[in-house]
C-alpha atoms as a PDB file:
ATOM      1  CA  MET A   1      -2.881 -25.514  -6.606  1.00  0.00           C
ATOM      2  CA  LYS A   2      -6.650 -25.645  -7.002  1.00  0.00           C
ATOM      3  CA  ASN A   3      -7.030 -22.844  -4.423  1.00  0.00           C
ATOM      4  CA  VAL A   4      -4.503 -20.655  -6.230  1.00  0.00           C
ATOM      5  CA  PHE A   5      -6.296 -21.170  -9.535  1.00  0.00           C
ATOM      6  CA  LEU A   6      -9.657 -20.407  -7.905  1.00  0.00           C
ATOM      7  CA  PHE A   7      -8.201 -17.263  -6.324  1.00  0.00           C
ATOM      8  CA  PHE A   8      -6.972 -15.962  -9.668  1.00  0.00           C
ATOM      9  CA  ILE A   9     -10.326 -16.618 -11.315  1.00  0.00           C
ATOM     10  CA  ILE A  10     -12.174 -14.805  -8.534  1.00  0.00           C
ATOM     11  CA  PHE A  11      -9.583 -12.030  -8.442  1.00  0.00           C
ATOM     12  CA  SER A  12      -9.813 -11.582 -12.231  1.00  0.00           C
ATOM     13  CA  PHE A  13     -13.592 -11.386 -12.031  1.00  0.00           C
ATOM     14  CA  PHE A  14     -13.408  -8.664  -9.400  1.00  0.00           C
ATOM     15  CA  ALA A  15     -10.584  -6.872 -11.166  1.00  0.00           C
ATOM     16  CA  ILE A  16     -12.543  -6.654 -14.405  1.00  0.00           C
ATOM     17  CA  GLY A  17     -15.501  -5.311 -12.465  1.00  0.00           C
ATOM     18  CA  ILE A  18     -13.279  -2.784 -10.717  1.00  0.00           C
ATOM     19  CA  TYR A  19     -11.803  -1.590 -13.959  1.00  0.00           C
ATOM     20  CA  ALA A  20     -15.200  -1.215 -15.626  1.00  0.00           C
ATOM     21  CA  GLN A  21     -16.899   0.788 -12.872  1.00  0.00           C
ATOM     22  CA  PRO A  22     -16.417   4.397 -11.829  1.00  0.00           C
ATOM     23  CA  PHE A  23     -15.085   5.061  -8.368  1.00  0.00           C
ATOM     24  CA  GLY A  24     -17.786   5.871  -5.860  1.00  0.00           C
ATOM     25  CA  ASN A  25     -18.212   5.773  -2.131  1.00  0.00           C
ATOM     26  CA  ARG A  26     -16.884   3.022   0.075  1.00  0.00           C
ATOM     27  CA  GLN A  27     -20.007   0.879  -0.238  1.00  0.00           C
ATOM     28  CA  SER A  28     -20.332   0.793  -4.008  1.00  0.00           C
ATOM     29  CA  GLY A  29     -18.506  -0.382  -7.061  1.00  0.00           C
ATOM     30  CA  PRO A  30     -14.882  -1.413  -6.898  1.00  0.00           C
ATOM     31  CA  MET A  31     -14.321  -0.909  -3.179  1.00  0.00           C
ATOM     32  CA  LYS A  32     -17.244  -3.151  -2.319  1.00  0.00           C
ATOM     33  CA  LYS A  33     -15.925  -5.848  -4.627  1.00  0.00           C
ATOM     34  CA  ILE A  34     -12.456  -5.617  -3.130  1.00  0.00           C
ATOM     35  CA  GLU A  35     -13.961  -5.921   0.366  1.00  0.00           C
ATOM     36  CA  GLU A  36     -15.961  -8.972  -0.723  1.00  0.00           C
ATOM     37  CA  LEU A  37     -12.841 -10.563  -2.182  1.00  0.00           C
ATOM     38  CA  GLU A  38     -10.963  -9.758   1.012  1.00  0.00           C
ATOM     39  CA  LYS A  39     -13.644 -11.493   3.083  1.00  0.00           C
ATOM     40  CA  ILE A  40     -13.566 -14.595   0.883  1.00  0.00           C
ATOM     41  CA  LYS A  41      -9.788 -14.772   1.098  1.00  0.00           C
ATOM     42  CA  LEU A  42      -9.878 -14.202   4.877  1.00  0.00           C
ATOM     43  CA  ILE A  43     -12.279 -17.081   5.436  1.00  0.00           C
ATOM     44  CA  GLU A  44      -9.952 -19.314   3.435  1.00  0.00           C
ATOM     45  CA  ALA A  45      -6.739 -18.051   5.063  1.00  0.00           C
ATOM     46  CA  LEU A  46      -8.045 -18.330   8.628  1.00  0.00           C
ATOM     47  CA  GLN A  47      -9.915 -21.599   7.990  1.00  0.00           C
ATOM     48  CA  MET A  48     -12.938 -20.447   9.970  1.00  0.00           C
ATOM     49  CA  ASN A  49     -16.110 -22.429  10.452  1.00  0.00           C
ATOM     50  CA  GLU A  50     -19.531 -20.842   9.912  1.00  0.00           C
ATOM     51  CA  GLU A  51     -20.082 -19.735  13.516  1.00  0.00           C
ATOM     52  CA  THR A  52     -16.596 -18.256  13.825  1.00  0.00           C
ATOM     53  CA  THR A  53     -17.010 -16.519  10.471  1.00  0.00           C
ATOM     54  CA  LEU A  54     -20.227 -14.829  11.584  1.00  0.00           C
ATOM     55  CA  ARG A  55     -18.751 -13.677  14.890  1.00  0.00           C
ATOM     56  CA  PHE A  56     -15.526 -12.527  13.253  1.00  0.00           C
ATOM     57  CA  PHE A  57     -17.174 -10.495  10.494  1.00  0.00           C
ATOM     58  CA  SER A  58     -19.581  -8.878  12.924  1.00  0.00           C
ATOM     59  CA  ARG A  59     -16.558  -7.392  14.712  1.00  0.00           C
ATOM     60  CA  TRP A  60     -14.668  -6.873  11.469  1.00  0.00           C
ATOM     61  CA  ASP A  61     -17.463  -4.763   9.973  1.00  0.00           C
ATOM     62  CA  GLN A  62     -17.698  -2.629  13.096  1.00  0.00           C
ATOM     63  CA  PHE A  63     -13.912  -2.189  13.100  1.00  0.00           C
ATOM     64  CA  LYS A  64     -13.846  -1.255   9.400  1.00  0.00           C
ATOM     65  CA  ASN A  65     -16.625   1.310   9.878  1.00  0.00           C
ATOM     66  CA  ASN A  66     -14.756   2.903  12.788  1.00  0.00           C
ATOM     67  CA  GLN A  67     -11.519   2.948  10.794  1.00  0.00           C
ATOM     68  CA  HIS A  68     -13.291   4.484   7.814  1.00  0.00           C
ATOM     69  CA  LYS A  69     -14.655   7.321   9.985  1.00  0.00           C
ATOM     70  CA  LEU A  70     -11.217   7.973  11.453  1.00  0.00           C
ATOM     71  CA  VAL A  71      -9.572   8.024   8.016  1.00  0.00           C
ATOM     72  CA  ILE A  72     -12.177  10.504   6.783  1.00  0.00           C
ATOM     73  CA  SER A  73     -11.433  12.717   9.809  1.00  0.00           C
ATOM     74  CA  SER A  74      -7.713  12.458   9.140  1.00  0.00           C
ATOM     75  CA  ASN A  75      -8.185  13.391   5.488  1.00  0.00           C
ATOM     76  CA  ASP A  76     -10.404  16.334   6.458  1.00  0.00           C
ATOM     77  CA  VAL A  77      -7.685  17.675   8.755  1.00  0.00           C
ATOM     78  CA  LEU A  78      -5.092  17.307   5.976  1.00  0.00           C
ATOM     79  CA  ASP A  79      -7.374  19.133   3.531  1.00  0.00           C
ATOM     80  CA  LYS A  80      -7.854  22.004   6.006  1.00  0.00           C
ATOM     81  CA  LEU A  81      -4.132  22.053   6.690  1.00  0.00           C
ATOM     82  CA  ASP A  82      -3.432  22.279   2.973  1.00  0.00           C
ATOM     83  CA  ARG A  83      -5.796  25.244   2.610  1.00  0.00           C
ATOM     84  CA  VAL A  84      -4.291  27.056   5.604  1.00  0.00           C
ATOM     85  CA  VAL A  85      -0.732  26.533   4.383  1.00  0.00           C
ATOM     86  CA  ARG A  86      -1.544  27.737   0.849  1.00  0.00           C
ATOM     87  CA  ASN A  87      -3.449  30.812   2.081  1.00  0.00           C
ATOM     88  CA  ASN A  88      -1.207  31.839   4.955  1.00  0.00           C
ATOM     89  CA  SER A  89       2.233  33.392   4.777  1.00  0.00           C
ATOM     90  CA  ASP A  90       2.832  33.199   8.552  1.00  0.00           C
ATOM     91  CA  LYS A  91       5.411  30.441   9.012  1.00  0.00           C
ATOM     92  CA  ASN A  92       4.706  30.048  12.747  1.00  0.00           C
ATOM     93  CA  ASN A  93       0.922  29.998  12.685  1.00  0.00           C
ATOM     94  CA  PRO A  94      -0.387  28.360  15.899  1.00  0.00           C
ATOM     95  CA  GLU A  95      -3.396  27.092  13.935  1.00  0.00           C
ATOM     96  CA  ILE A  96      -1.044  24.958  11.841  1.00  0.00           C
ATOM     97  CA  THR A  97       0.545  23.473  14.960  1.00  0.00           C
ATOM     98  CA  LYS A  98      -2.898  22.645  16.351  1.00  0.00           C
ATOM     99  CA  MET A  99      -3.932  20.947  13.089  1.00  0.00           C
ATOM    100  CA  ILE A 100      -0.720  18.900  12.982  1.00  0.00           C
ATOM    101  CA  ASP A 101      -1.356  17.752  16.559  1.00  0.00           C
ATOM    102  CA  THR A 102      -4.963  16.899  15.643  1.00  0.00           C
ATOM    103  CA  PHE A 103      -3.796  14.891  12.635  1.00  0.00           C
ATOM    104  CA  PHE A 104      -1.335  12.856  14.696  1.00  0.00           C
ATOM    105  CA  GLY A 105      -3.966  12.352  17.398  1.00  0.00           C
ATOM    106  CA  ILE A 106      -6.313  10.823  14.813  1.00  0.00           C
ATOM    107  CA  GLU A 107      -3.513   8.661  13.393  1.00  0.00           C
ATOM    108  CA  LYS A 108      -2.769   7.432  16.911  1.00  0.00           C
ATOM    109  CA  GLN A 109      -6.480   6.595  17.354  1.00  0.00           C
ATOM    110  CA  ILE A 110      -6.432   4.629  14.076  1.00  0.00           C
ATOM    111  CA  GLN A 111      -3.577   2.480  15.409  1.00  0.00           C
ATOM    112  CA  LYS A 112      -5.252   2.074  18.808  1.00  0.00           C
ATOM    113  CA  ASN A 113      -8.499   1.043  17.122  1.00  0.00           C
ATOM    114  CA  LYS A 114      -6.638  -1.625  15.120  1.00  0.00           C
ATOM    115  CA  ARG A 115      -4.774  -2.909  18.178  1.00  0.00           C
ATOM    116  CA  ASP A 116      -8.003  -3.063  20.210  1.00  0.00           C
ATOM    117  CA  PHE A 117      -9.734  -4.941  17.395  1.00  0.00           C
ATOM    118  CA  ILE A 118      -6.933  -7.506  17.132  1.00  0.00           C
ATOM    119  CA  TYR A 119      -6.891  -8.068  20.905  1.00  0.00           C
ATOM    120  CA  SER A 120     -10.686  -8.379  20.944  1.00  0.00           C
ATOM    121  CA  LEU A 121     -10.422 -11.423  18.677  1.00  0.00           C
ATOM    122  CA  LYS A 122      -8.805 -13.615  21.337  1.00  0.00           C
ATOM    123  CA  ASP A 123     -12.193 -15.137  22.211  1.00  0.00           C
ATOM    124  CA  ILE A 124     -12.901 -15.982  18.549  1.00  0.00           C
ATOM    125  CA  LEU A 125      -9.534 -16.860  16.999  1.00  0.00           C
ATOM    126  CA  ASP A 126      -6.477 -18.654  18.308  1.00  0.00           C
ATOM    127  CA  GLN A 127      -3.027 -17.010  18.307  1.00  0.00           C
ATOM    128  CA  ASN A 128      -2.068 -18.686  15.041  1.00  0.00           C
ATOM    129  CA  GLN A 129      -5.175 -17.338  13.293  1.00  0.00           C
ATOM    130  CA  ILE A 130      -4.557 -13.839  14.671  1.00  0.00           C
ATOM    131  CA  ALA A 131      -0.997 -13.977  13.344  1.00  0.00           C
ATOM    132  CA  LYS A 132      -2.318 -15.162   9.967  1.00  0.00           C
ATOM    133  CA  LEU A 133      -4.775 -12.250   9.971  1.00  0.00           C
ATOM    134  CA  LEU A 134      -1.988  -9.723  10.483  1.00  0.00           C
ATOM    135  CA  VAL A 135       0.118 -11.260   7.720  1.00  0.00           C
ATOM    136  CA  PHE A 136      -2.926 -11.586   5.454  1.00  0.00           C
ATOM    137  CA  GLU A 137      -3.728  -7.865   5.669  1.00  0.00           C
ATOM    138  CA  LYS A 138      -0.292  -6.873   4.429  1.00  0.00           C
ATOM    139  CA  LYS A 139      -0.180  -9.497   1.686  1.00  0.00           C
ATOM    140  CA  PHE A 140      -3.685  -8.648   0.471  1.00  0.00           C
ATOM    141  CA  LYS A 141      -2.913  -4.924   0.268  1.00  0.00           C
ATOM    142  CA  ASP A 142       0.304  -5.704  -1.589  1.00  0.00           C
ATOM    143  CA  GLU A 143      -1.545  -7.954  -4.074  1.00  0.00           C
ATOM    144  CA  ILE A 144      -4.164  -5.293  -4.769  1.00  0.00           C
ATOM    145  CA  ARG A 145      -1.535  -2.550  -5.106  1.00  0.00           C
ATOM    146  CA  ASN A 146       0.590  -4.675  -7.463  1.00  0.00           C
ATOM    147  CA  PHE A 147      -2.442  -5.598  -9.548  1.00  0.00           C
ATOM    148  CA  LEU A 148      -3.505  -1.955  -9.887  1.00  0.00           C
ATOM    149  CA  PHE A 149       0.013  -0.846 -10.835  1.00  0.00           C
ATOM    150  CA  LYS A 150       0.186  -3.629 -13.399  1.00  0.00           C
ATOM    151  CA  GLN A 151      -3.163  -2.526 -14.853  1.00  0.00           C
ATOM    152  CA  ARG A 152      -1.938   1.065 -15.064  1.00  0.00           C
ATOM    153  CA  ARG A 153       1.211   0.047 -16.917  1.00  0.00           C
ATOM    154  CA  GLN A 154      -0.733  -2.083 -19.405  1.00  0.00           C
ATOM    155  CA  GLY A 155      -3.211   0.710 -20.131  1.00  0.00           C
ATOM    156  CA  PRO A 156      -6.892   0.353 -20.971  1.00  0.00           C
ATOM    157  CA  MET A 157      -8.092  -3.056 -22.062  1.00  0.00           C
END
C-alpha cells in the first residue's frame, strides 16, 4: 500500500510538470519526466540491485536511442508518403509502393531491435524479471495513456 501511495505522489508530481510545460524534443520537458518516472517504476518492478540497475539502464538507454531513431525514420517515410499521395493522381505510382515497403521494413526493424534488446538481457536479468519487464511496458503505457485522456476530459486545471 505504501508503494502504491508513493507511486501516485510521484506520478502526480510528474503529471503536473508535464501539464505545465510545452512539448519539446525527446530529451526535454514532459517526455524526460515520463522517462524518469518509467525508470523509477522499472527499478521497483524488477527489484534490481545497484549493479544490475546500472548495467540494465546502460543497455536500455542505447535501445531507446536506437528505437527513437527508427521511429523518426518511420515518421519521415509516412510524411513523404502523405505528400506524394496528396500531390499525385496516379493510383498505381511505383514510388508509393516503394515507400510502403520502406515503411514496413523500418517497422520490422523496430520489432527486431526490441526482440534483440530483450534477448540481450539474459545475462543481466532472470526469466521472471524479463517477463515482468514485458508486462511493465504495456501497463506503464496504458497508465500514461489513461492519465492523459483523463486530463483531457477534465480540461485545464
